[in-house]
Protein backbone atom coordinates (compact mmCIF):
# COMPACT_ATOMS: atom_id res chain seq x y z
CA MET A 1 135.19 123.89 96.72
CA TYR A 2 132.86 123.77 93.77
CA SER A 3 133.39 126.15 90.88
CA LEU A 4 130.78 128.56 89.66
CA ALA A 5 130.52 126.63 86.52
CA VAL A 6 129.79 123.31 88.49
CA ILE A 7 127.27 125.12 90.87
CA THR A 8 125.39 126.56 87.79
CA ALA A 9 125.31 123.24 85.96
CA LEU A 10 123.75 121.65 89.11
CA LEU A 11 121.21 124.23 89.54
CA ALA A 12 120.20 124.01 85.87
CA ALA A 13 119.85 120.16 86.23
CA ALA A 14 117.54 120.37 89.28
CA PRO A 15 114.41 121.08 87.49
CA ALA A 16 114.79 118.19 85.32
CA LEU A 17 115.53 115.82 88.25
CA ALA A 18 112.12 117.06 89.79
CA GLN A 19 110.14 116.21 86.67
CA ALA A 20 107.92 113.24 86.36
CA PRO A 21 108.48 110.82 83.40
CA LEU A 22 106.09 110.39 80.46
CA TRP A 23 103.17 108.30 81.84
CA GLY A 24 104.37 108.90 85.33
CA GLN A 25 102.27 110.32 88.25
CA CYS A 26 102.42 114.15 88.55
CA GLY A 27 99.79 115.06 91.14
CA GLY A 28 96.80 113.80 93.35
CA GLY A 29 95.93 113.56 97.03
CA GLY A 30 98.89 112.59 99.06
CA TRP A 31 101.33 112.83 96.34
CA THR A 32 104.56 114.21 97.32
CA GLY A 33 106.64 113.53 93.96
CA PRO A 34 107.28 115.74 91.05
CA THR A 35 104.30 117.89 89.74
CA THR A 36 105.68 118.79 86.39
CA CYS A 37 106.55 116.58 83.37
CA VAL A 38 109.36 116.03 81.11
CA SER A 39 109.55 117.98 77.78
CA GLY A 40 106.82 116.76 75.35
CA ALA A 41 104.41 115.89 78.16
CA CYS A 42 101.81 117.53 80.40
CA CYS A 43 100.26 116.86 83.54
CA GLN A 44 96.68 115.51 82.90
CA TYR A 45 94.30 115.74 85.84
CA SER A 46 92.27 112.38 86.05
CA ASN A 47 90.59 112.83 89.44
CA GLU A 48 91.47 114.38 92.86
CA TRP A 49 93.94 111.45 93.74
CA TYR A 50 95.69 111.14 90.43
CA SER A 51 97.22 113.13 87.79
CA GLN A 52 99.38 111.62 85.00
CA CYS A 53 101.99 112.81 82.33
CA ILE A 54 100.56 112.32 78.92
CA SER A 55 101.95 112.63 75.64
CA GLY A 56 101.43 116.04 73.95
CA SER A 57 99.34 118.78 75.38
CA CYS A 58 96.34 118.69 77.90
CA GLY A 59 94.19 120.60 75.22
CA GLY A 60 96.69 123.50 75.13
CA SER A 61 100.35 124.05 75.58
CA ASN A 62 100.04 125.81 78.98
CA PRO A 63 96.72 124.36 80.52
CA GLN A 64 95.25 126.47 83.20
CA THR A 65 94.68 125.16 86.76
CA THR A 66 91.87 125.94 89.23
CA THR A 67 91.68 124.59 92.75
CA ARG A 68 89.03 122.13 93.77
CA THR A 69 87.84 121.58 97.42
CA THR A 70 86.91 118.04 97.98
CA THR A 71 84.21 116.91 100.59
CA GLY A 72 86.86 116.04 102.99
CA GLY A 73 88.33 119.66 102.79
CA THR A 74 91.51 118.96 101.03
CA THR A 75 92.28 121.09 97.77
CA GLN A 76 93.59 119.67 94.50
CA PRO A 77 94.48 121.32 91.12
CA THR A 78 91.92 120.88 88.48
CA ASN A 79 93.08 120.98 84.85
CA SER A 80 90.34 123.12 83.02
CA ALA A 81 91.31 121.79 79.88
CA GLY A 82 91.28 118.20 81.07
CA GLY A 83 88.37 115.61 80.91
CA CYS A 84 87.76 112.26 79.38
CA GLY A 85 89.51 111.79 76.10
CA GLY A 86 91.73 114.97 76.66
CA GLY A 87 95.36 114.94 75.68
CA THR A 88 96.68 112.32 73.30
CA PRO A 89 95.35 108.80 74.46
CA ASP A 90 97.61 105.93 73.36
CA VAL A 91 94.56 104.20 71.80
CA THR A 92 91.01 105.53 71.03
CA VAL A 93 87.74 103.74 70.07
CA THR A 94 85.39 105.80 68.07
CA GLY A 95 82.37 105.25 65.92
CA SER A 96 78.79 104.05 66.51
CA SER A 97 76.71 100.72 66.47
CA SER A 98 77.29 100.33 62.76
CA SER A 99 80.96 100.81 62.69
CA TYR A 100 83.66 101.12 65.27
CA THR A 101 87.19 101.93 64.76
CA THR A 102 90.14 101.47 67.16
CA LYS A 103 93.29 103.32 66.42
CA ASN A 104 96.59 103.90 68.30
CA LYS A 105 98.02 107.40 68.36
CA SER A 106 100.33 106.82 65.57
CA GLY A 107 97.25 106.14 63.26
CA THR A 108 97.41 102.44 63.02
CA THR A 109 94.07 100.78 62.89
CA LEU A 110 93.77 97.90 65.46
CA TYR A 111 90.18 97.07 64.83
CA THR A 112 87.40 98.13 62.44
CA GLY A 113 83.76 96.68 62.52
CA ASN A 114 80.60 96.52 64.14
CA ASN A 115 81.41 94.71 67.33
CA TYR A 116 81.58 97.16 70.38
CA LEU A 117 83.38 94.51 72.68
CA SER A 118 85.97 93.57 70.11
CA ALA A 119 86.79 97.28 69.49
CA ILE A 120 87.23 97.71 73.21
CA ASN A 121 89.37 94.59 73.64
CA ALA A 122 91.54 95.52 70.73
CA ALA A 123 92.10 98.82 72.51
CA VAL A 124 92.97 97.51 75.91
CA ASN A 125 95.23 94.76 74.41
CA GLY A 126 96.91 97.32 72.31
CA ILE A 127 98.37 99.29 75.22
CA SER A 128 100.89 98.41 77.87
CA ASN A 129 101.81 99.40 81.44
CA GLY A 130 101.50 103.31 81.79
CA GLN A 131 99.42 103.91 78.68
CA ARG A 132 95.83 105.00 78.28
CA VAL A 133 92.70 103.92 76.42
CA SER A 134 89.90 106.36 75.75
CA VAL A 135 86.68 105.03 74.51
CA ILE A 136 84.94 107.80 72.96
CA ALA A 137 81.96 105.54 71.34
CA SER A 138 78.99 104.04 72.97
CA GLY A 139 77.47 100.58 72.49
CA SER A 140 76.66 97.20 74.17
CA ILE A 141 79.07 94.46 75.14
CA GLY A 142 76.20 92.14 76.03
CA ALA A 143 76.91 89.50 78.90
CA ASN A 144 80.50 89.74 78.62
CA THR A 145 83.62 91.03 80.67
CA ILE A 146 86.36 93.52 79.99
CA SER A 147 89.51 92.92 81.76
CA ILE A 148 92.03 95.43 82.68
CA SER A 149 95.52 94.51 83.49
CA SER A 150 98.18 96.21 85.72
CA GLY A 151 99.33 99.86 85.04
CA LYS A 152 96.60 100.69 82.39
CA THR A 153 94.27 103.58 82.26
CA PHE A 154 90.82 102.73 80.82
CA GLU A 155 88.35 105.67 80.38
CA VAL A 156 84.96 105.43 78.88
CA CYS A 157 83.65 108.92 77.44
CA GLY A 158 80.62 107.30 75.88
CA THR A 159 78.21 104.72 77.53
CA ILE A 160 78.77 100.96 77.98
CA ASP A 161 75.56 99.02 78.09
CA VAL A 162 76.05 95.69 79.66
CA GLY A 163 74.29 92.32 80.19
CA ASN A 164 74.41 89.84 83.22
CA ARG A 165 77.15 87.36 83.24
CA SER A 166 76.74 85.11 86.26
CA GLY A 167 79.37 85.61 89.11
CA ARG A 168 81.31 88.09 86.83
CA GLY A 169 81.84 91.62 86.29
CA ALA A 170 81.10 93.61 83.20
CA ILE A 171 84.52 95.22 83.79
CA GLU A 172 87.14 93.43 86.13
CA SER A 173 90.56 93.95 87.47
CA THR A 174 92.09 91.23 89.50
CA GLY A 175 95.60 90.75 90.92
CA THR A 176 96.79 94.10 89.49
CA THR A 177 98.61 97.17 90.45
CA GLY A 178 98.04 100.72 89.28
CA VAL A 179 94.82 100.39 87.42
CA ASN A 180 93.17 103.65 86.73
CA ILE A 181 89.57 104.10 85.68
CA PRO A 182 88.94 107.88 85.60
CA TYR A 183 85.71 108.08 83.88
CA LEU A 184 83.03 105.41 83.13
CA THR A 185 79.22 105.44 82.45
CA MET A 186 77.51 102.26 82.48
CA THR A 187 73.72 101.17 81.81
CA GLY A 188 72.04 97.73 81.84
CA ASN A 189 71.70 94.84 84.30
CA PRO A 190 75.23 93.46 85.31
CA TYR A 191 75.76 90.69 87.85
CA PHE A 192 78.55 93.04 89.19
CA GLY A 193 79.02 96.28 87.05
CA LEU A 194 82.72 96.38 88.35
CA LEU A 195 84.52 93.50 90.11
CA PHE A 196 87.82 93.60 91.80
CA TYR A 197 90.02 91.65 94.25
CA GLY A 198 93.81 91.48 94.84
CA THR A 199 94.37 94.92 93.67
CA ARG A 200 96.93 97.54 94.65
CA ASP A 201 96.78 101.34 94.15
CA LEU A 202 93.47 101.22 92.27
CA THR A 203 91.93 104.35 91.37
CA LEU A 204 88.39 105.02 90.15
CA GLY A 205 87.22 108.48 89.28
CA GLN A 206 83.91 109.76 88.00
CA ILE A 207 81.85 106.45 87.90
CA THR A 208 78.21 106.70 86.86
CA MET A 209 75.88 103.66 86.67
CA ASN A 210 72.32 104.00 85.61
CA LEU A 211 71.20 100.25 85.97
CA SER A 212 68.10 98.18 85.67
CA GLY A 213 69.49 95.68 88.26
CA GLY A 214 72.53 93.78 89.48
CA MET A 215 75.22 95.35 91.62
CA GLY A 216 77.33 98.55 91.09
CA ILE A 217 80.92 97.81 92.44
CA ARG A 218 81.98 94.84 94.16
CA PHE A 219 85.20 93.92 96.16
CA HIS A 220 85.07 90.06 96.43
CA ARG A 221 84.81 88.43 99.62
CA ASP A 222 86.66 85.08 99.47
CA GLU A 223 89.56 86.44 97.18
CA ALA A 224 92.99 88.18 97.74
CA ALA A 225 92.76 91.45 99.78
CA ASN A 226 93.18 94.98 98.22
CA TYR A 227 95.47 97.73 99.21
CA ASN A 228 95.25 101.53 98.69
CA VAL A 229 91.99 101.93 96.83
CA LYS A 230 90.96 105.41 95.96
CA MET A 231 87.39 106.53 94.50
CA ASP A 232 86.17 109.94 93.68
CA THR A 233 82.44 110.17 93.04
CA ILE A 234 80.47 106.99 92.42
CA ARG A 235 76.83 107.50 91.36
CA VAL A 236 74.55 104.47 91.06
CA THR A 237 71.00 104.46 90.35
CA GLY A 238 68.65 101.49 90.00
CA ALA A 239 70.90 98.62 91.17
CA GLY A 240 68.96 95.56 92.43
CA SER A 241 71.69 95.00 95.09
CA HIS A 242 74.26 97.17 96.63
CA ALA A 243 75.76 100.28 94.96
CA VAL A 244 79.20 99.72 96.49
CA GLU A 245 80.19 96.64 98.41
CA THR A 246 83.60 96.28 99.88
CA TRP A 247 85.41 93.19 101.23
CA ASN A 248 89.04 93.00 102.38
CA ILE A 249 90.53 96.48 101.76
CA ASN A 250 93.26 97.99 103.56
CA GLY A 251 93.39 101.70 103.01
CA LEU A 252 90.18 103.02 101.27
CA THR A 253 89.60 106.83 100.26
CA ILE A 254 86.13 107.64 98.84
CA ASN A 255 84.97 111.16 98.08
CA GLN A 256 81.30 110.48 97.43
CA VAL A 257 78.87 107.60 97.16
CA ILE A 258 75.56 108.76 95.79
CA ALA A 259 72.84 106.00 95.54
CA ARG A 260 69.31 106.36 94.35
CA ASN A 261 66.69 103.57 94.14
CA CYS A 262 69.12 100.74 94.86
CA GLY A 263 67.63 97.55 96.21
CA GLU A 264 70.16 97.05 99.09
CA CYS A 265 73.15 99.23 100.31
CA GLY A 266 74.34 102.49 99.26
CA LEU A 267 77.92 101.77 100.79
CA LEU A 268 78.54 98.55 102.60
CA LEU A 269 81.87 98.18 104.22
CA GLN A 270 82.98 94.68 105.48
CA LYS A 271 86.45 93.78 106.81
CA THR A 272 87.78 97.07 105.49
CA ASN A 273 90.37 99.17 107.46
CA ASP A 274 91.93 102.59 107.25
CA ALA A 275 88.92 104.11 105.44
CA LYS A 276 88.17 107.80 104.87
CA VAL A 277 84.89 108.55 103.20
CA GLY A 278 83.47 112.16 102.34
CA LEU A 279 79.71 111.76 101.65
CA VAL A 280 77.29 108.72 101.56
CA ASP A 281 73.92 109.93 100.17
CA GLY A 282 71.02 107.51 99.78
CA ASN A 283 67.54 108.08 98.46
CA ASN A 284 65.10 105.22 98.54
CA VAL A 285 67.93 102.73 99.23
CA ALA A 286 67.17 99.28 100.78
CA ALA A 287 63.48 99.73 100.85
CA GLY A 288 61.77 96.86 102.74
CA THR A 289 65.03 95.10 103.71
CA GLY A 290 67.31 95.26 106.60
CA TYR A 291 69.99 96.86 104.65
CA ALA A 292 71.00 100.59 104.84
CA THR A 293 72.37 103.67 103.18
CA LEU A 294 75.47 102.97 105.15
CA ARG A 295 76.28 99.76 106.47
CA PHE A 296 79.24 98.35 108.53
CA ALA A 297 79.39 94.49 108.83
CA ASN A 298 81.49 91.50 109.25
CA GLU A 299 84.13 92.89 111.71
CA ASN A 300 84.56 96.01 109.52
CA GLY A 301 87.07 98.31 111.14
CA ARG A 302 88.57 95.74 113.29
CA GLY A 303 92.40 95.89 113.60
CA SER A 304 94.65 93.32 115.19
CA GLY A 305 92.27 92.57 118.08
CA ASN A 306 90.99 95.83 118.77
CA TRP A 307 88.69 98.56 117.20
CA ASN A 308 90.66 101.58 117.53
CA THR A 309 89.14 104.42 115.23
CA ASN A 310 90.21 104.00 111.65
CA ILE A 311 86.97 104.39 109.70
CA TYR A 312 86.17 107.93 109.22
CA ILE A 313 83.02 109.21 107.46
CA ASP A 314 82.28 113.05 106.98
CA LYS A 315 78.54 112.97 106.30
CA VAL A 316 75.74 110.52 105.73
CA VAL A 317 72.43 111.70 104.04
CA SER A 318 69.44 109.37 103.83
CA ARG A 319 65.94 109.73 102.74
CA GLY A 320 63.22 107.07 102.76
CA GLY A 321 64.05 103.39 101.85
CA GLY A 322 65.20 101.07 104.59
CA ARG A 323 67.71 101.92 107.27
CA GLY A 324 69.87 105.05 107.33
CA ILE A 325 73.00 103.65 109.22
CA PHE A 326 73.50 100.00 110.43
CA CYS A 327 76.34 98.78 112.23
CA VAL A 328 76.43 94.93 112.90
CA SER A 329 78.43 91.78 113.54
CA GLN A 330 81.43 93.09 115.42
CA SER A 331 82.13 95.85 113.45
CA GLY A 332 83.29 99.32 114.75
CA GLY A 333 86.29 101.73 115.06
CA ALA A 334 84.18 104.16 113.25
CA GLU A 335 83.55 107.93 113.48
CA ILE A 336 80.77 109.79 111.65
CA LYS A 337 80.99 113.57 111.89
CA THR A 338 77.39 114.35 111.02
CA ILE A 339 74.18 112.76 109.76
CA ASP A 340 70.96 113.95 108.15
CA LEU A 341 68.46 111.13 108.13
CA ALA A 342 64.79 111.54 107.52
CA SER A 343 61.67 109.26 106.83
CA ASN A 344 63.60 106.03 106.66
CA GLY A 345 61.33 102.96 106.48
CA ASN A 346 63.33 100.89 108.95
CA ASN A 347 65.43 102.04 111.66
CA ALA A 348 67.01 105.37 111.31
CA ILE A 349 70.05 103.95 113.01
CA LEU A 350 70.71 100.44 114.17
CA ILE A 351 73.97 99.72 116.22
CA GLU A 352 74.03 95.98 117.12
CA ASN A 353 77.01 94.20 118.57
CA CYS A 354 79.48 97.01 117.62
CA TYR A 355 82.46 98.63 119.37
CA ASN A 356 83.92 102.11 119.49
CA VAL A 357 81.41 103.98 117.31
CA ALA A 358 80.91 107.72 117.42
CA ILE A 359 78.23 109.78 115.82
CA LYS A 360 79.26 113.22 116.46
CA GLY A 361 76.24 115.27 115.37
CA GLY A 362 73.36 115.69 112.95
CA THR A 363 69.50 115.19 112.79
CA VAL A 364 67.02 112.41 112.40
CA ASN A 365 63.62 113.31 111.42
CA GLY A 366 60.81 110.86 111.56
CA GLY A 367 61.13 107.26 110.15
CA GLY A 368 61.99 104.21 112.38
CA GLU A 369 63.59 104.53 115.67
CA VAL A 370 67.24 105.00 116.62
CA ARG A 371 68.11 101.73 118.41
CA LEU A 372 71.11 100.06 120.22
CA ALA A 373 70.56 96.28 120.23
CA ALA A 374 72.29 93.13 120.58
CA ARG A 375 72.27 89.35 119.52
CA THR A 376 73.41 86.86 122.02
CA GLU A 377 76.08 85.19 119.78
CA PHE A 378 78.26 88.34 119.97
CA ALA A 379 79.46 90.59 122.90
CA ASN A 380 77.13 93.47 123.59
CA ASN A 381 77.66 96.95 122.42
CA ARG A 382 80.45 99.00 124.07
CA ASP A 383 82.02 102.48 123.70
CA ILE A 384 79.28 103.96 121.69
CA SER A 385 78.94 107.74 121.64
CA ILE A 386 75.90 109.53 119.99
CA THR A 387 75.25 113.18 119.77
CA LEU A 388 72.14 113.92 117.79
CA LYS A 389 68.79 116.00 117.45
CA VAL A 390 65.96 113.35 117.14
CA ASP A 391 62.50 114.51 116.24
CA GLY A 392 59.46 112.52 115.15
CA THR A 393 60.85 109.11 116.14
CA SER A 394 62.06 107.39 119.29
CA VAL A 395 65.50 106.45 120.63
CA ARG A 396 65.89 103.10 122.44
CA GLU A 397 68.81 101.06 124.16
CA SER A 398 68.04 97.47 124.80
CA PRO A 399 69.86 95.77 126.19
CA CYS A 400 72.06 98.30 127.98
CA GLY A 401 75.52 98.41 126.58
CA THR A 402 78.90 99.37 128.21
CA ASN A 403 80.25 102.77 128.04
CA ILE A 404 77.37 104.26 126.15
CA LYS A 405 77.21 107.95 125.90
CA TRP A 406 74.02 109.82 124.66
CA THR A 407 73.78 113.58 124.04
CA LEU A 408 70.34 114.05 122.69
CA SER A 409 68.20 116.87 121.80
CA GLY A 410 64.82 117.17 120.11
CA SER A 411 61.44 115.95 120.78
CA GLY A 412 61.84 112.19 120.10
CA SER A 413 61.03 109.94 122.99
CA ARG A 414 63.70 108.11 124.73
CA ASN A 415 64.28 104.74 126.50
CA ILE A 416 67.93 104.73 127.25
CA CYS A 417 70.11 103.28 130.06
């Protein structure tokens, strides 16, 4: 039998055993580990999926927390004293176009000069796995690339202006694990704003891109797959191509993609499985093209020889532009809870050679028709279920698919099987 002294000692040790180490994870969606930090550290909120134990205080010795409800209905603690640059970053970049300074938290200067790219590279190279860089300054990196290696947190509290480096991203992370970009504001005309492949446990937080061309975020097609990718709110304006394009992701969670005046898709999912997306919101997206605010393509959602439901979208909003929703090329396994489409310049909805797709409610007002179609090179549509109120446009199914279920209301004309 244990003595009272032994039991007391074990109880006293229990909280310590339940504490996350410095630079360890201490919160986030799905996190089941410790939510408090060791002495000398505090739990800094980065985004709804990731909080990290940082050195010092999070803007106060006892930061207050509030609850935040995400689009998907889950609640996560939000550190009211947090934010970009909060706490004690391991390295900071400060200054302006005439003079940038990169220092570590000990006060050692790693760079001083007028080259913004060099200041950032000195910061990124000056940290190791589990450490954080905060870029407080704004500036231009030109047509160059910043590479983020495993375990590093890279946040930009200012604005990075970028140029177009053919085939490359302005910021890249490839073949990495545990990279975190909690905050980023980008301007310019990149080839790819952010480029990824071969990543595991990648987390993107509040990403804002006010572009004059190029693509926002790209997960490469002909490269290694990605696993467990999480994004909070992605806002892309002015991209000449897609706001967000994915290939080869197994396990994807997105809170919101908000696309404005983008040349192609708002969110394009390809060969991606096990995805949960809160909101896809497009305004004047894909005008004059066959793209859409939300597009599934190239066997998206296909598992091991089947299209069991594994792609979940809470809501799609689309105004103007090209198509609202487009499913094509043997994609499927998707459920969309509700939609709000109006005045799309091309099809409001086009489902073409897709399998097991459900749109469970919402409205279509004007714009192009709601259409089920098929190309001859793939098997026809099957297992499609659509519940909608359609006004000011038509609904057409041609050719007839297999196991197609329509539940329609509204004044839109219908030519269905």
